[in-house]
Amino acid sequence: MNRQAMTYSTRPSGAETGPQPSPPATADAPAPADQRRPDVSDPRPDPAAPVATAPGPPGPTEAAAPDGGRPAAGPRLASPPKPRTERDPFFDNAKYFAILLVVSGHSIANLQNVPMAKGLYIFIYMFHMPLFIVITGYFSRNWTFSPGKARKLITNVGVPYVVFEVAYSVYDWLAGRHDLEISLLSPYYLTWFLCALFLWRLSTPVWQQIRWPLAVALGFALLAYMSDLGTTFDIHRVFGLLPFYVLGLKLRPEHFELLKRPAARPIGAAVLAVGLACSYLVMKHMSVRWIFWKDPHFMLGVGDFKGTLMRLAMFACATVLVAAFLTLVPRRKHWFTALGATTLYCYLLHGFVTRLLNFTGWWGADWMHTPGGVVAVICGAVVVGTFLCSPPVRRTMSWALEPKMTWVFTPLRRPGRG
């Protein structure tokens, strides 16, 4: 077998989303008792608001104007902000382990001639993207078109999409392609997720107002696979994986509390074990193109009826596997918890490593195409994934993934009234 000739998929599936930190909550605190006017009661709910009083001698916080006119206002007391809401380590832990699945899946993509690798590959791809998307949807529940959130969508999703779409295209060209192709309409390699996330976030207010959002999203997804929608924005993935985003929007903290119960752990472990076993059973009868969530039915050689049944089964299996995976996620802080807040760095940067190994022919090494080689590659993927989530990488690459860009924006322009 000429393993040197094996090629890596141009646009395989990927993950993640960046962290969705909770914004700090602030509130005005009442002024100390010795700073209030003792002869004026304030019936309003905000004690720190200015109080209208009858003319009289200056109070404790007022000084008479030199010309005998209106008293000058005294010093305003600064209201101490409330402490920042603490992140739930459960979700950062989940994102950390999920990104390791992503890197491991990409690392064994060219080793599928080894049955062990192929079974793991199908198993990982069945739920690793839905997992990230469900968590992303959950933290997008309060997304609106407010100026702050819209700007963050541009700087933390839109700008990285442009930067890495260009970077990967140039990197591919320098590594041996004969032409340079850069198209923001056709996401390259890992960047499809940023494109999809941008569109999903924009649609969030719509799903929040529909009576049966999950059913509608599932209907759109199933219909999308019945037609050839082209490759613009990788639109089949945008529609096909949309139900997982909407599912995340509809979840509440109490749903995750059910998965955190100790009794759920053995059930989740058993479900994952069954899922892994089923992956080995179906790997000889199922095309791996199904698990990329990107091809319409006719490209997979099936009719719409059979294809729709297959997609429904995949949606159900992926949802069950996501829930099972979350039952095993640690609940408390660990050394890796903080790394889960920077998974987008690992997601977008690890592709340069896997592509380099593909360009240099390393995937053709004989030792890799053995069970021991598969284990060694996965261990290497875990090390690389952990490093790419580390603080030094974030400090080095924040200009591309979390740019400030305040100079780009203007105050919100509201439409004039007719």
Protein backbone atom coordinates (compact mmCIF):
# COMPACT_ATOMS: atom_id res chain seq x y z
CA MET A 1 0.00 0.00 0.00
CA ASN A 2 1.32 3.42 -0.87
CA ARG A 3 0.51 5.29 2.28
CA GLN A 4 2.37 8.31 0.99
CA ALA A 5 -0.48 8.86 -1.43
CA MET A 6 -3.09 9.12 1.30
CA THR A 7 -4.47 12.64 1.48
CA TYR A 8 -6.09 14.53 4.28
CA SER A 9 -9.62 15.75 3.77
CA THR A 10 -9.61 19.35 2.53
CA ARG A 11 -12.45 20.43 4.74
CA PRO A 12 -12.91 17.93 7.57
CA SER A 13 -15.14 18.66 10.51
CA GLY A 14 -13.82 20.65 13.42
CA ALA A 15 -15.03 22.29 16.68
CA GLU A 16 -15.33 24.92 19.01
CA THR A 17 -16.22 27.73 19.94
CA GLY A 18 -14.73 30.13 22.14
CA PRO A 19 -15.58 30.75 25.46
CA GLN A 20 -18.62 32.53 26.32
CA PRO A 21 -17.72 34.47 29.41
CA SER A 22 -20.53 35.88 31.46
CA PRO A 23 -20.59 39.71 31.54
CA PRO A 24 -19.98 41.33 34.89
CA ALA A 25 -23.11 42.46 36.64
CA THR A 26 -23.07 45.87 38.31
CA ALA A 27 -25.61 47.73 40.34
CA ASP A 28 -25.69 51.02 42.22
CA ALA A 29 -25.49 50.67 45.98
CA PRO A 30 -27.31 53.00 48.43
CA ALA A 31 -25.30 55.89 49.73
CA PRO A 32 -24.11 55.67 53.35
CA ALA A 33 -26.50 57.03 55.95
CA ASP A 34 -24.29 59.98 56.82
CA GLN A 35 -24.32 61.15 53.21
CA ARG A 36 -28.13 61.38 52.79
CA ARG A 37 -30.27 64.38 53.61
CA PRO A 38 -31.83 63.52 56.98
CA ASP A 39 -34.98 65.54 56.30
CA VAL A 40 -35.88 64.07 52.91
CA SER A 41 -37.31 60.58 52.33
CA ASP A 42 -36.67 58.93 48.97
CA PRO A 43 -39.61 56.79 47.82
CA ARG A 44 -37.94 55.77 44.57
CA PRO A 45 -36.35 52.34 44.10
CA ASP A 46 -32.90 53.79 43.30
CA PRO A 47 -31.53 55.50 46.45
CA ALA A 48 -28.48 56.71 44.54
CA ALA A 49 -30.56 58.74 42.10
CA PRO A 50 -30.61 62.54 42.56
CA VAL A 51 -33.38 63.73 44.90
CA ALA A 52 -35.51 66.82 44.23
CA THR A 53 -35.83 68.84 47.43
CA ALA A 54 -37.48 72.07 48.46
CA PRO A 55 -35.33 75.22 48.65
CA GLY A 56 -33.55 75.47 51.94
CA PRO A 57 -30.15 75.66 53.55
CA PRO A 58 -27.46 73.51 52.05
CA GLY A 59 -27.44 69.94 53.21
CA PRO A 60 -24.44 67.85 54.19
CA THR A 61 -23.44 67.25 50.56
CA GLU A 62 -24.24 70.72 49.20
CA ALA A 63 -22.40 74.01 49.28
CA ALA A 64 -23.98 77.42 48.85
CA ALA A 65 -23.13 79.16 45.61
CA PRO A 66 -20.92 82.23 46.06
CA ASP A 67 -23.52 84.51 44.47
CA GLY A 68 -26.32 83.26 46.64
CA GLY A 69 -27.91 81.33 43.76
CA ARG A 70 -28.52 77.62 43.40
CA PRO A 71 -26.36 75.51 45.67
CA ALA A 72 -23.52 73.67 44.00
CA ALA A 73 -23.79 69.94 43.91
CA GLY A 74 -21.63 68.07 46.35
CA PRO A 75 -19.35 65.15 45.53
CA ARG A 76 -21.06 62.10 43.97
CA LEU A 77 -20.31 58.88 45.70
CA ALA A 78 -18.98 56.13 43.44
CA SER A 79 -21.10 52.98 43.51
CA PRO A 80 -18.97 49.88 44.03
CA PRO A 81 -19.61 47.26 41.33
CA LYS A 82 -20.75 43.81 42.26
CA PRO A 83 -18.12 41.08 42.01
CA ARG A 84 -17.75 39.36 38.65
CA THR A 85 -19.89 36.28 38.19
CA GLU A 86 -17.70 33.20 38.54
CA ARG A 87 -17.50 30.82 35.60
CA ASP A 88 -18.91 27.36 36.01
CA PRO A 89 -15.89 25.00 35.79
CA PHE A 90 -18.15 22.25 34.45
CA PHE A 91 -18.48 23.90 31.06
CA ASP A 92 -14.81 24.84 30.77
CA ASN A 93 -13.88 21.25 31.63
CA ALA A 94 -16.32 20.01 28.98
CA LYS A 95 -14.84 22.29 26.33
CA TYR A 96 -11.30 21.26 27.20
CA PHE A 97 -12.00 17.55 26.76
CA ALA A 98 -14.09 18.24 23.67
CA ILE A 99 -11.26 20.11 21.95
CA LEU A 100 -8.96 17.18 22.69
CA LEU A 101 -11.45 14.98 20.85
CA VAL A 102 -11.31 17.37 17.90
CA VAL A 103 -7.52 17.36 17.70
CA SER A 104 -7.40 13.58 18.15
CA GLY A 105 -10.00 13.07 15.44
CA HIS A 106 -8.07 15.18 12.96
CA SER A 107 -4.84 13.39 13.90
CA ILE A 108 -6.12 9.90 13.08
CA ALA A 109 -7.99 10.92 9.93
CA ASN A 110 -5.19 9.57 7.70
CA LEU A 111 -4.78 6.35 9.67
CA GLN A 112 -8.17 4.85 8.85
CA ASN A 113 -6.64 1.81 7.20
CA VAL A 114 -6.13 0.68 10.81
CA PRO A 115 -9.52 -0.63 12.06
CA MET A 116 -8.85 0.76 15.52
CA ALA A 117 -8.40 4.25 14.10
CA LYS A 118 -11.41 4.09 11.81
CA GLY A 119 -13.77 3.01 14.57
CA LEU A 120 -12.51 5.77 16.86
CA TYR A 121 -12.76 8.29 14.04
CA ILE A 122 -16.42 7.52 13.37
CA PHE A 123 -17.21 7.51 17.09
CA ILE A 124 -15.55 10.89 17.72
CA TYR A 125 -17.10 12.56 14.70
CA MET A 126 -20.58 11.38 15.61
CA PHE A 127 -20.79 13.79 18.54
CA HIS A 128 -17.76 16.05 18.99
CA MET A 129 -19.14 18.86 16.80
CA PRO A 130 -22.70 18.58 18.19
CA LEU A 131 -21.17 18.79 21.68
CA PHE A 132 -19.44 22.09 20.96
CA ILE A 133 -22.48 23.48 19.20
CA VAL A 134 -24.88 22.60 22.04
CA ILE A 135 -22.62 24.34 24.57
CA THR A 136 -22.25 27.32 22.24
CA GLY A 137 -26.01 27.57 21.87
CA TYR A 138 -26.49 27.36 25.63
CA PHE A 139 -24.21 30.37 26.17
CA SER A 140 -25.92 32.26 23.34
CA ARG A 141 -29.34 32.29 25.04
CA ASN A 142 -29.13 35.97 25.90
CA TRP A 143 -27.60 37.12 22.62
CA THR A 144 -29.24 40.22 21.18
CA PHE A 145 -28.42 42.90 18.64
CA SER A 146 -27.14 45.22 21.37
CA PRO A 147 -24.05 47.22 20.34
CA GLY A 148 -21.67 45.43 22.71
CA LYS A 149 -22.66 41.92 21.67
CA ALA A 150 -22.78 42.78 17.99
CA ARG A 151 -19.26 44.22 18.15
CA LYS A 152 -18.00 41.13 19.98
CA LEU A 153 -19.54 38.93 17.30
CA ILE A 154 -17.56 40.85 14.69
CA THR A 155 -14.24 40.90 16.53
CA ASN A 156 -14.32 37.39 18.07
CA VAL A 157 -15.96 35.49 15.21
CA GLY A 158 -16.00 37.55 12.03
CA VAL A 159 -12.43 38.84 12.17
CA PRO A 160 -10.87 35.45 13.07
CA TYR A 161 -12.82 33.93 10.18
CA VAL A 162 -11.24 36.36 7.71
CA VAL A 163 -7.76 36.08 9.25
CA PHE A 164 -7.65 32.28 9.28
CA GLU A 165 -9.40 31.86 5.95
CA VAL A 166 -6.58 33.87 4.41
CA ALA A 167 -3.88 32.24 6.57
CA TYR A 168 -4.87 28.67 5.75
CA SER A 169 -5.23 29.41 2.05
CA VAL A 170 -1.78 31.00 1.88
CA TYR A 171 -0.29 28.23 4.03
CA ASP A 172 -1.72 25.59 1.70
CA TRP A 173 -0.40 27.45 -1.34
CA LEU A 174 3.11 27.82 0.10
CA ALA A 175 3.14 24.11 0.93
CA GLY A 176 2.84 23.08 -2.70
CA ARG A 177 -0.48 23.99 -4.29
CA HIS A 178 -0.12 25.44 -7.79
CA ASP A 179 -2.59 28.27 -7.32
CA LEU A 180 -3.62 30.62 -4.56
CA GLU A 181 -7.33 30.58 -3.83
CA ILE A 182 -8.88 32.82 -1.19
CA SER A 183 -12.64 32.97 -0.97
CA LEU A 184 -14.59 34.19 2.02
CA LEU A 185 -17.71 32.59 0.52
CA SER A 186 -16.24 29.10 0.58
CA PRO A 187 -14.83 28.32 4.05
CA TYR A 188 -11.53 26.49 3.96
CA TYR A 189 -10.78 23.60 6.29
CA LEU A 190 -11.57 24.51 9.93
CA THR A 191 -12.99 27.96 9.26
CA TRP A 192 -16.45 26.64 8.36
CA PHE A 193 -17.38 26.59 12.05
CA LEU A 194 -16.75 30.32 12.48
CA CYS A 195 -18.88 31.03 9.43
CA ALA A 196 -21.70 28.85 10.76
CA LEU A 197 -21.43 30.35 14.25
CA PHE A 198 -21.71 33.86 12.85
CA LEU A 199 -24.93 32.98 11.03
CA TRP A 200 -26.37 31.03 13.99
CA ARG A 201 -25.76 33.92 16.37
CA LEU A 202 -27.48 36.35 14.02
CA SER A 203 -30.53 34.08 13.96
CA THR A 204 -30.73 33.71 17.76
CA PRO A 205 -33.48 36.33 18.38
CA VAL A 206 -35.64 34.56 15.79
CA TRP A 207 -35.40 31.16 17.48
CA GLN A 208 -36.14 32.75 20.84
CA GLN A 209 -39.56 33.86 19.57
CA ILE A 210 -40.74 30.75 17.71
CA ARG A 211 -43.16 28.49 19.56
CA TRP A 212 -41.49 25.21 18.50
CA PRO A 213 -37.94 26.25 17.59
CA LEU A 214 -36.33 22.83 17.78
CA ALA A 215 -38.91 21.22 15.51
CA VAL A 216 -38.60 24.05 12.99
CA ALA A 217 -34.79 23.87 13.02
CA LEU A 218 -34.90 20.10 12.54
CA GLY A 219 -37.27 20.55 9.62
CA PHE A 220 -34.90 23.03 7.98
CA ALA A 221 -31.98 20.63 8.48
CA LEU A 222 -33.76 17.64 6.94
CA LEU A 223 -35.00 19.67 3.98
CA ALA A 224 -31.53 21.11 3.37
CA TYR A 225 -30.09 17.66 2.71
CA MET A 226 -32.71 16.98 0.04
CA SER A 227 -31.34 19.64 -2.32
CA ASP A 228 -28.01 20.79 -3.66
CA LEU A 229 -27.52 24.15 -1.97
CA GLY A 230 -24.00 24.60 -3.26
CA THR A 231 -20.85 25.20 -1.23
CA THR A 232 -21.33 28.87 -0.34
CA PHE A 233 -20.72 29.32 3.40
CA ASP A 234 -20.72 25.50 3.65
CA ILE A 235 -24.47 25.95 3.84
CA HIS A 236 -25.36 22.27 4.29
CA ARG A 237 -23.44 22.24 7.55
CA VAL A 238 -24.99 25.54 8.62
CA PHE A 239 -28.50 24.11 8.22
CA GLY A 240 -27.63 20.52 9.07
CA LEU A 241 -26.10 21.26 12.47
CA LEU A 242 -28.53 24.06 13.31
CA PRO A 243 -30.77 21.82 15.50
CA PHE A 244 -27.91 21.33 17.97
CA TYR A 245 -27.47 25.09 18.30
CA VAL A 246 -31.19 25.59 18.87
CA LEU A 247 -31.18 22.72 21.37
CA GLY A 248 -28.50 24.57 23.33
CA LEU A 249 -30.63 27.73 23.23
CA LYS A 250 -33.53 25.88 24.84
CA LEU A 251 -31.55 24.16 27.59
CA ARG A 252 -31.59 25.52 31.12
CA PRO A 253 -29.22 25.06 34.10
CA GLU A 254 -31.54 22.47 35.65
CA HIS A 255 -31.10 20.24 32.58
CA PHE A 256 -27.36 20.13 33.14
CA GLU A 257 -27.88 19.50 36.84
CA LEU A 258 -29.53 16.21 35.90
CA LEU A 259 -26.37 15.20 34.05
CA LYS A 260 -24.18 16.17 37.01
CA ARG A 261 -25.83 13.70 39.37
CA PRO A 262 -23.55 10.84 40.50
CA ALA A 263 -26.12 8.27 39.38
CA ALA A 264 -25.82 9.54 35.80
CA ARG A 265 -22.12 8.70 35.49
CA PRO A 266 -22.34 4.92 35.14
CA ILE A 267 -25.22 5.33 32.71
CA GLY A 268 -23.21 7.79 30.62
CA ALA A 269 -20.15 5.52 30.63
CA ALA A 270 -22.27 2.58 29.47
CA VAL A 271 -23.83 4.65 26.68
CA LEU A 272 -20.43 5.78 25.40
CA ALA A 273 -19.14 2.21 25.48
CA VAL A 274 -22.13 1.02 23.45
CA GLY A 275 -21.65 3.91 21.03
CA LEU A 276 -17.99 3.01 20.51
CA ALA A 277 -18.88 -0.64 19.92
CA CYS A 278 -21.55 0.34 17.40
CA SER A 279 -19.01 2.49 15.55
CA TYR A 280 -16.86 -0.57 14.99
CA LEU A 281 -19.89 -2.56 13.84
CA VAL A 282 -21.02 -0.03 11.23
CA MET A 283 -17.65 1.20 9.96
CA LYS A 284 -17.63 -1.33 7.10
CA HIS A 285 -21.20 -0.52 6.09
CA MET A 286 -21.30 3.27 6.47
CA SER A 287 -19.51 5.92 4.47
CA VAL A 288 -17.53 8.30 6.67
CA ARG A 289 -18.92 11.18 4.59
CA TRP A 290 -22.13 10.95 6.62
CA ILE A 291 -20.38 12.13 9.78
CA PHE A 292 -19.11 15.33 8.16
CA TRP A 293 -22.71 16.65 8.05
CA LYS A 294 -22.00 18.43 4.76
CA ASP A 295 -23.28 16.36 1.82
CA PRO A 296 -26.83 16.20 0.43
CA HIS A 297 -28.47 12.83 -0.05
CA PHE A 298 -27.74 12.45 -3.76
CA MET A 299 -23.99 12.85 -3.12
CA LEU A 300 -24.18 9.99 -0.63
CA GLY A 301 -25.96 7.74 -3.10
CA VAL A 302 -29.28 7.51 -1.26
CA GLY A 303 -32.79 8.78 -1.85
CA ASP A 304 -34.49 11.41 0.26
CA PHE A 305 -36.57 8.94 2.25
CA LYS A 306 -33.64 6.74 3.26
CA GLY A 307 -31.41 9.75 3.74
CA THR A 308 -33.94 11.46 6.02
CA LEU A 309 -34.23 8.34 8.19
CA MET A 310 -30.45 8.18 8.39
CA ARG A 311 -30.19 11.83 9.42
CA LEU A 312 -32.88 11.42 12.07
CA ALA A 313 -30.98 8.46 13.49
CA MET A 314 -27.77 10.49 13.50
CA PHE A 315 -29.44 13.40 15.29
CA ALA A 316 -30.76 11.04 17.95
CA CYS A 317 -27.45 9.22 18.40
CA ALA A 318 -25.45 12.44 18.56
CA THR A 319 -27.78 13.93 21.18
CA VAL A 320 -27.58 10.82 23.36
CA LEU A 321 -23.77 10.70 23.05
CA VAL A 322 -23.46 14.39 23.94
CA ALA A 323 -25.53 13.84 27.09
CA ALA A 324 -23.51 10.74 27.98
CA PHE A 325 -20.22 12.58 27.51
CA LEU A 326 -21.34 15.42 29.79
CA THR A 327 -22.15 12.98 32.61
CA LEU A 328 -18.44 12.14 32.82
CA VAL A 329 -17.15 15.73 32.82
CA PRO A 330 -15.60 16.79 36.17
CA ARG A 331 -17.68 19.30 38.13
CA ARG A 332 -14.90 21.05 40.05
CA LYS A 333 -11.89 23.14 39.12
CA HIS A 334 -8.76 21.33 38.02
CA TRP A 335 -5.45 22.36 36.47
CA PHE A 336 -6.99 22.14 33.01
CA THR A 337 -10.18 24.09 33.76
CA ALA A 338 -8.78 27.47 32.70
CA LEU A 339 -7.65 25.94 29.40
CA GLY A 340 -11.28 25.29 28.51
CA ALA A 341 -11.82 29.04 28.18
CA THR A 342 -9.41 29.24 25.22
CA THR A 343 -10.44 26.28 23.09
CA LEU A 344 -10.95 28.50 20.03
CA TYR A 345 -7.19 29.08 19.97
CA CYS A 346 -6.53 25.36 19.85
CA TYR A 347 -9.28 24.79 17.30
CA LEU A 348 -7.96 27.31 14.79
CA LEU A 349 -4.24 26.73 15.35
CA HIS A 350 -3.92 22.94 15.51
CA GLY A 351 -4.81 22.69 11.83
CA PHE A 352 -1.43 24.15 10.92
CA VAL A 353 0.22 21.20 12.68
CA THR A 354 -1.95 18.49 11.11
CA ARG A 355 -1.64 20.09 7.66
CA LEU A 356 2.14 20.30 8.04
CA LEU A 357 2.32 16.57 8.77
CA ASN A 358 0.16 16.00 5.71
CA PHE A 359 2.33 18.21 3.46
CA THR A 360 5.56 16.59 4.61
CA GLY A 361 4.28 13.03 4.24
CA TRP A 362 4.64 12.06 7.87
CA TRP A 363 1.27 10.32 7.87
CA GLY A 364 2.78 7.75 5.55
CA ALA A 365 5.23 6.46 8.18
CA ASP A 366 4.74 2.72 8.65
CA TRP A 367 4.90 2.85 12.45
CA MET A 368 1.85 5.12 12.56
CA HIS A 369 -0.33 2.59 10.78
CA THR A 370 -0.38 0.17 13.68
CA PRO A 371 -2.48 0.08 16.88
CA GLY A 372 0.53 1.29 18.85
CA GLY A 373 1.09 4.08 16.35
CA VAL A 374 -2.54 5.18 16.66
CA VAL A 375 -2.18 5.38 20.44
CA ALA A 376 1.05 7.37 20.10
CA VAL A 377 -0.56 9.81 17.65
CA ILE A 378 -3.53 10.37 19.99
CA CYS A 379 -1.17 11.02 22.92
CA GLY A 380 0.72 13.54 20.80
CA ALA A 381 -2.57 15.19 19.85
CA VAL A 382 -3.50 15.58 23.53
CA VAL A 383 -0.16 17.26 24.26
CA VAL A 384 -0.45 19.62 21.30
CA GLY A 385 -4.07 20.44 22.09
CA THR A 386 -3.24 21.24 25.71
CA PHE A 387 -0.34 23.48 24.74
CA LEU A 388 -2.42 25.44 22.22
CA CYS A 389 -4.90 26.31 24.97
CA SER A 390 -2.16 27.62 27.26
CA PRO A 391 -1.69 31.27 28.35
CA PRO A 392 1.50 31.85 26.28
CA VAL A 393 -0.35 30.93 23.09
CA ARG A 394 -3.25 33.17 24.01
CA ARG A 395 -0.94 36.12 24.68
CA THR A 396 0.83 35.56 21.39
CA MET A 397 -2.26 35.11 19.20
CA SER A 398 -4.88 37.30 20.87
CA TRP A 399 -4.38 39.94 18.18
CA ALA A 400 -5.97 37.54 15.68
CA LEU A 401 -8.59 35.81 17.81
CA GLU A 402 -9.63 38.52 20.25
CA PRO A 403 -8.71 41.85 18.63
CA LYS A 404 -9.91 45.03 20.33
CA MET A 405 -10.49 47.09 17.17
CA THR A 406 -12.31 49.90 18.95
CA TRP A 407 -11.23 52.23 16.14
CA VAL A 408 -13.50 50.38 13.71
CA PHE A 409 -16.77 51.08 15.48
CA THR A 410 -18.95 54.14 15.85
CA PRO A 411 -21.84 54.84 18.23
CA LEU A 412 -24.97 52.95 17.31
CA ARG A 413 -26.80 54.74 14.48
CA ARG A 414 -30.53 54.45 14.90
CA PRO A 415 -32.88 54.96 11.95
CA GLY A 416 -34.62 58.32 11.87
CA ARG A 417 -38.35 58.54 12.42
CA GLY A 418 -40.49 59.52 9.48
